[in-house]
Every structure is written in structure tokens, then in C-alpha cells.
């Protein structure tokens, strides 16, 4: 099933290009290995759910690329996991005018590079367990989200040490 998805990511663009405004829906799942996506966080297949809409200057691709992932919080190292879902809004053109557009080659629109790039960029994002994660104490290593410690974690910059003894008159 996932391997068939790779075939579904190659779309014959002729019919779409003949009828500006025409829409085609693609909803498929592809094995990460078929897209050459190797990432330690990825735990399953990549799903691509997009609408292709023919326009005068190409084909607009809008939808989402999603995949399951596991990882750790970058501050406290707690195990995390979930389903990443990344919105995509791309343009494919026969004569690539827009430098960010993907090419339509031999009347074929290949969604594989877009799906691969989107998944890899999102998987490389560092994650937090929550936005206010306090992280681990750099001295004793406890999780400061669960416990407190009396460690002195102030960082002194020795370049300013000469100013520590400066007495200012108020």
C-alpha cells in the first residue's frame, strides 16, 4: 500500500494544464524509504494529502504532509512523540519562472521531492515538551520541571570581572 503511494505522487499534468481551475485530489501514504527519507525521529510512513489546482502559470499544490515521530525534549530530555502535520503551498511550472517553484517535466508533476523536503525540514526541528520547559539543572542534572535545587547556575563572564569591584556614587 505504501509503495503504491509513490506511484500516486507522480501525476500526469496534461489534463490539469488544459483546464485552468481544474482540481485533482491526492491522498496517499508512502514508505519513508521510498522517498529516501532516513531520520531517527521518523517512526512510520509519510502521508501526503494535497489538492492540485491548475492555474494559468502552473499547478498550485496545497495540503499537508504528515508523519509519526518520536524524539526528546531539547531542554529536559523527556521522551516525546506525535504526528507532525506540515502545511504545504507550492507551485509547479513547466517553464520555471518562480525560483521557488518545482518543475513539471515531461508533462509529469512529481510530488516526491516536495514531500521529502517538507518531511526532512520538519523532522529536523528541535522540540520542547512544553513552551515553558525549565530543562535540566546544569550542575546536578535534576529536571527543574519536577523539582528544585539550590545549585548556583549564574554564569559569569570573566571579561567583565574588573567591573565587579567598581563602586559608583549614587
C-alpha atoms as a PDB file:
ATOM      1  CA  UNK A   1       0.000   0.000   0.000  1.00  0.00           C
ATOM      2  CA  UNK A   2       2.724   2.478   0.950  1.00  0.00           C
ATOM      3  CA  UNK A   3       4.721   1.628  -2.195  1.00  0.00           C
ATOM      4  CA  UNK A   4       1.693   2.339  -4.385  1.00  0.00           C
ATOM      5  CA  UNK A   5       1.667   5.806  -2.856  1.00  0.00           C
ATOM      6  CA  UNK A   6       4.941   6.619  -4.578  1.00  0.00           C
ATOM      7  CA  UNK A   7       3.268   5.991  -7.929  1.00  0.00           C
ATOM      8  CA  UNK A   8       0.397   8.272  -6.883  1.00  0.00           C
ATOM      9  CA  UNK A   9       2.879  11.088  -6.254  1.00  0.00           C
ATOM     10  CA  UNK A  10       3.649  11.186  -9.990  1.00  0.00           C
ATOM     11  CA  UNK A  11       0.743  12.894 -11.677  1.00  0.00           C
ATOM     12  CA  UNK A  12       0.066  13.344 -15.375  1.00  0.00           C
ATOM     13  CA  UNK A  13      -0.293  17.109 -15.611  1.00  0.00           C
ATOM     14  CA  UNK A  14      -1.705  17.265 -19.166  1.00  0.00           C
ATOM     15  CA  UNK A  15      -5.401  17.196 -18.201  1.00  0.00           C
ATOM     16  CA  UNK A  16      -4.931  19.695 -15.392  1.00  0.00           C
ATOM     17  CA  UNK A  17      -2.964  22.112 -17.571  1.00  0.00           C
ATOM     18  CA  UNK A  18      -5.637  22.029 -20.291  1.00  0.00           C
ATOM     19  CA  UNK A  19      -8.321  23.245 -17.906  1.00  0.00           C
ATOM     20  CA  UNK A  20      -7.334  26.181 -15.674  1.00  0.00           C
ATOM     21  CA  UNK A  21      -9.308  25.907 -12.444  1.00  0.00           C
ATOM     22  CA  UNK A  22      -9.443  22.108 -12.570  1.00  0.00           C
ATOM     23  CA  UNK A  23      -8.706  20.401  -9.250  1.00  0.00           C
ATOM     24  CA  UNK A  24      -7.339  16.939  -8.513  1.00  0.00           C
ATOM     25  CA  UNK A  25      -7.066  15.470  -5.033  1.00  0.00           C
ATOM     26  CA  UNK A  26      -4.135  13.286  -3.975  1.00  0.00           C
ATOM     27  CA  UNK A  27      -4.359  11.406  -0.675  1.00  0.00           C
ATOM     28  CA  UNK A  28      -1.742   8.700  -0.240  1.00  0.00           C
ATOM     29  CA  UNK A  29       0.771   7.157   2.123  1.00  0.00           C
ATOM     30  CA  UNK A  30       4.348   6.415   1.115  1.00  0.00           C
ATOM     31  CA  UNK A  31       7.082   4.461   2.870  1.00  0.00           C
ATOM     32  CA  UNK A  32       9.768   6.841   4.103  1.00  0.00           C
ATOM     33  CA  UNK A  33      12.415   4.687   2.433  1.00  0.00           C
ATOM     34  CA  UNK A  34      10.674   5.101  -0.941  1.00  0.00           C
ATOM     35  CA  UNK A  35      11.136   8.867  -0.578  1.00  0.00           C
ATOM     36  CA  UNK A  36      14.711   8.389   0.627  1.00  0.00           C
ATOM     37  CA  UNK A  37      13.827   9.893   3.995  1.00  0.00           C
ATOM     38  CA  UNK A  38      16.030   8.485   6.723  1.00  0.00           C
ATOM     39  CA  UNK A  39      15.679  10.172  10.086  1.00  0.00           C
ATOM     40  CA  UNK A  40      15.990   8.807  13.614  1.00  0.00           C
ATOM     41  CA  UNK A  41      12.794  10.608  14.685  1.00  0.00           C
ATOM     42  CA  UNK A  42      10.583   9.146  11.958  1.00  0.00           C
ATOM     43  CA  UNK A  43       8.534   6.164  13.148  1.00  0.00           C
ATOM     44  CA  UNK A  44       6.267   5.372  10.205  1.00  0.00           C
ATOM     45  CA  UNK A  45       5.100   6.143   6.708  1.00  0.00           C
ATOM     46  CA  UNK A  46       4.663   9.631   5.280  1.00  0.00           C
ATOM     47  CA  UNK A  47       1.158  10.748   4.324  1.00  0.00           C
ATOM     48  CA  UNK A  48       0.558  13.278   1.571  1.00  0.00           C
ATOM     49  CA  UNK A  49      -2.865  14.873   1.279  1.00  0.00           C
ATOM     50  CA  UNK A  50      -2.962  17.701  -1.259  1.00  0.00           C
ATOM     51  CA  UNK A  51      -5.181  19.379  -3.820  1.00  0.00           C
ATOM     52  CA  UNK A  52      -3.673  20.174  -7.209  1.00  0.00           C
ATOM     53  CA  UNK A  53      -5.251  23.194  -8.870  1.00  0.00           C
ATOM     54  CA  UNK A  54      -4.467  24.230 -12.410  1.00  0.00           C
ATOM     55  CA  UNK A  55      -3.674  27.896 -12.870  1.00  0.00           C
ATOM     56  CA  UNK A  56      -2.543  29.959 -15.847  1.00  0.00           C
ATOM     57  CA  UNK A  57       1.109  29.881 -14.768  1.00  0.00           C
ATOM     58  CA  UNK A  58       1.294  26.305 -13.460  1.00  0.00           C
ATOM     59  CA  UNK A  59      -0.247  23.995 -10.901  1.00  0.00           C
ATOM     60  CA  UNK A  60      -0.766  25.003  -7.290  1.00  0.00           C
ATOM     61  CA  UNK A  61      -0.285  22.267  -4.678  1.00  0.00           C
ATOM     62  CA  UNK A  62      -1.935  22.863  -1.284  1.00  0.00           C
ATOM     63  CA  UNK A  63      -2.460  20.487   1.598  1.00  0.00           C
ATOM     64  CA  UNK A  64      -0.424  18.675   4.233  1.00  0.00           C
ATOM     65  CA  UNK A  65       2.462  16.272   4.599  1.00  0.00           C
ATOM     66  CA  UNK A  66       2.329  14.284   7.832  1.00  0.00           C
ATOM     67  CA  UNK A  67       4.237  11.519   9.587  1.00  0.00           C
ATOM     68  CA  UNK A  68       4.565   9.959  13.046  1.00  0.00           C
ATOM     69  CA  UNK A  69       7.691  10.819  15.041  1.00  0.00           C
ATOM     70  CA  UNK A  70       9.427  10.207  18.367  1.00  0.00           C
ATOM     71  CA  UNK A  71      12.145  12.274  19.955  1.00  0.00           C
ATOM     72  CA  UNK A  72      13.241  14.036  23.113  1.00  0.00           C
ATOM     73  CA  UNK A  73      12.693  17.497  24.532  1.00  0.00           C
ATOM     74  CA  UNK A  74      15.774  19.574  23.792  1.00  0.00           C
ATOM     75  CA  UNK A  75      15.820  21.025  27.328  1.00  0.00           C
ATOM     76  CA  UNK A  76      14.779  18.238  29.730  1.00  0.00           C
ATOM     77  CA  UNK A  77      15.289  15.136  27.544  1.00  0.00           C
ATOM     78  CA  UNK A  78      11.782  13.728  28.186  1.00  0.00           C
ATOM     79  CA  UNK A  79      10.528  11.315  25.553  1.00  0.00           C
ATOM     80  CA  UNK A  80       8.120  12.956  23.126  1.00  0.00           C
ATOM     81  CA  UNK A  81       6.130  11.723  20.181  1.00  0.00           C
ATOM     82  CA  UNK A  82       3.261  12.575  17.944  1.00  0.00           C
ATOM     83  CA  UNK A  83       2.168  13.215  14.418  1.00  0.00           C
ATOM     84  CA  UNK A  84       3.790  16.081  12.576  1.00  0.00           C
ATOM     85  CA  UNK A  85       1.490  17.755  10.113  1.00  0.00           C
ATOM     86  CA  UNK A  86       3.050  20.370   7.882  1.00  0.00           C
ATOM     87  CA  UNK A  87       1.007  22.614   5.601  1.00  0.00           C
ATOM     88  CA  UNK A  88       2.323  22.840   2.049  1.00  0.00           C
ATOM     89  CA  UNK A  89       1.633  25.513  -0.540  1.00  0.00           C
ATOM     90  CA  UNK A  90       3.838  25.005  -3.578  1.00  0.00           C
ATOM     91  CA  UNK A  91       3.829  25.876  -7.257  1.00  0.00           C
ATOM     92  CA  UNK A  92       4.824  23.608 -10.147  1.00  0.00           C
ATOM     93  CA  UNK A  93       5.607  25.181 -13.538  1.00  0.00           C
ATOM     94  CA  UNK A  94       6.559  23.904 -16.995  1.00  0.00           C
ATOM     95  CA  UNK A  95       8.845  26.889 -17.550  1.00  0.00           C
ATOM     96  CA  UNK A  96      10.089  27.622 -14.060  1.00  0.00           C
ATOM     97  CA  UNK A  97       9.762  31.382 -13.636  1.00  0.00           C
ATOM     98  CA  UNK A  98       9.397  31.498  -9.859  1.00  0.00           C
ATOM     99  CA  UNK A  99      12.720  30.421  -8.326  1.00  0.00           C
ATOM    100  CA  UNK A 100      10.906  28.508  -5.571  1.00  0.00           C
ATOM    101  CA  UNK A 101       8.695  26.565  -7.991  1.00  0.00           C
ATOM    102  CA  UNK A 102       9.136  22.895  -8.767  1.00  0.00           C
ATOM    103  CA  UNK A 103       9.427  21.832 -12.417  1.00  0.00           C
ATOM    104  CA  UNK A 104       6.839  19.949 -14.452  1.00  0.00           C
ATOM    105  CA  UNK A 105       8.969  17.649 -16.594  1.00  0.00           C
ATOM    106  CA  UNK A 106       7.670  15.527 -19.492  1.00  0.00           C
ATOM    107  CA  UNK A 107       4.126  16.557 -18.548  1.00  0.00           C
ATOM    108  CA  UNK A 108       4.630  14.833 -15.179  1.00  0.00           C
ATOM    109  CA  UNK A 109       4.230  16.524 -11.837  1.00  0.00           C
ATOM    110  CA  UNK A 110       6.387  14.684  -9.268  1.00  0.00           C
ATOM    111  CA  UNK A 111       5.337  15.400  -5.688  1.00  0.00           C
ATOM    112  CA  UNK A 112       8.096  13.195  -4.223  1.00  0.00           C
ATOM    113  CA  UNK A 113      10.801  15.910  -3.881  1.00  0.00           C
ATOM    114  CA  UNK A 114       8.313  18.276  -2.232  1.00  0.00           C
ATOM    115  CA  UNK A 115       7.123  15.585   0.212  1.00  0.00           C
ATOM    116  CA  UNK A 116      10.694  14.537   1.008  1.00  0.00           C
ATOM    117  CA  UNK A 117      11.928  18.097   1.578  1.00  0.00           C
ATOM    118  CA  UNK A 118       8.917  19.022   3.714  1.00  0.00           C
ATOM    119  CA  UNK A 119       9.246  15.947   5.937  1.00  0.00           C
ATOM    120  CA  UNK A 120      13.003  16.316   6.414  1.00  0.00           C
ATOM    121  CA  UNK A 121      12.822  20.021   7.252  1.00  0.00           C
ATOM    122  CA  UNK A 122      10.120  19.451   9.844  1.00  0.00           C
ATOM    123  CA  UNK A 123      11.781  16.383  11.380  1.00  0.00           C
ATOM    124  CA  UNK A 124      14.955  18.411  11.926  1.00  0.00           C
ATOM    125  CA  UNK A 125      13.135  20.883  14.173  1.00  0.00           C
ATOM    126  CA  UNK A 126      14.110  20.683  17.829  1.00  0.00           C
ATOM    127  CA  UNK A 127      11.090  20.079  20.026  1.00  0.00           C
ATOM    128  CA  UNK A 128      10.095  21.126  23.537  1.00  0.00           C
ATOM    129  CA  UNK A 129       7.811  19.144  25.860  1.00  0.00           C
ATOM    130  CA  UNK A 130       6.106  22.463  26.634  1.00  0.00           C
ATOM    131  CA  UNK A 131       6.897  26.077  25.835  1.00  0.00           C
ATOM    132  CA  UNK A 132       7.961  26.929  29.407  1.00  0.00           C
ATOM    133  CA  UNK A 133      10.158  23.845  29.928  1.00  0.00           C
ATOM    134  CA  UNK A 134      12.759  24.696  32.585  1.00  0.00           C
ATOM    135  CA  UNK A 135      15.142  21.953  31.449  1.00  0.00           C
ATOM    136  CA  UNK A 136      17.807  20.148  33.447  1.00  0.00           C
ATOM    137  CA  UNK A 137      19.990  21.793  36.078  1.00  0.00           C
ATOM    138  CA  UNK A 138      23.456  22.169  34.530  1.00  0.00           C
ATOM    139  CA  UNK A 139      25.103  21.414  37.917  1.00  0.00           C
ATOM    140  CA  UNK A 140      23.204  18.453  39.431  1.00  0.00           C
ATOM    141  CA  UNK A 141      21.115  17.297  36.462  1.00  0.00           C
ATOM    142  CA  UNK A 142      17.659  17.219  38.060  1.00  0.00           C
ATOM    143  CA  UNK A 143      14.618  18.004  35.944  1.00  0.00           C
ATOM    144  CA  UNK A 144      13.691  21.542  37.011  1.00  0.00           C
ATOM    145  CA  UNK A 145      10.122  20.971  35.794  1.00  0.00           C
ATOM    146  CA  UNK A 146       9.595  18.429  38.608  1.00  0.00           C
ATOM    147  CA  UNK A 147      11.995  19.518  41.369  1.00  0.00           C
ATOM    148  CA  UNK A 148      14.006  22.494  42.528  1.00  0.00           C
ATOM    149  CA  UNK A 149      17.618  22.585  43.639  1.00  0.00           C
ATOM    150  CA  UNK A 150      19.910  25.058  45.376  1.00  0.00           C
ATOM    151  CA  UNK A 151      22.628  24.989  42.727  1.00  0.00           C
ATOM    152  CA  UNK A 152      24.171  28.303  41.722  1.00  0.00           C
ATOM    153  CA  UNK A 153      23.668  28.422  37.969  1.00  0.00           C
ATOM    154  CA  UNK A 154      24.587  32.044  37.377  1.00  0.00           C
ATOM    155  CA  UNK A 155      27.040  32.362  34.543  1.00  0.00           C
ATOM    156  CA  UNK A 156      29.753  34.953  34.975  1.00  0.00           C
ATOM    157  CA  UNK A 157      31.592  36.442  32.066  1.00  0.00           C
ATOM    158  CA  UNK A 158      35.224  36.884  33.147  1.00  0.00           C
ATOM    159  CA  UNK A 159      35.672  39.687  30.660  1.00  0.00           C
ATOM    160  CA  UNK A 160      33.603  41.902  32.964  1.00  0.00           C
ATOM    161  CA  UNK A 161      35.301  40.792  36.223  1.00  0.00           C
ATOM    162  CA  UNK A 162      37.263  44.062  36.514  1.00  0.00           C
ATOM    163  CA  UNK A 163      33.987  45.960  36.799  1.00  0.00           C
ATOM    164  CA  UNK A 164      32.729  43.850  39.751  1.00  0.00           C
ATOM    165  CA  UNK A 165      34.783  45.904  42.225  1.00  0.00           C
ATOM    166  CA  UNK A 166      33.734  49.257  40.809  1.00  0.00           C
ATOM    167  CA  UNK A 167      31.967  51.470  43.377  1.00  0.00           C
ATOM    168  CA  UNK A 168      29.546  54.016  41.977  1.00  0.00           C
ATOM    169  CA  UNK A 169      28.300  57.020  43.969  1.00  0.00           C
ATOM    170  CA  UNK A 170      24.560  57.349  43.912  1.00  0.00           C
END
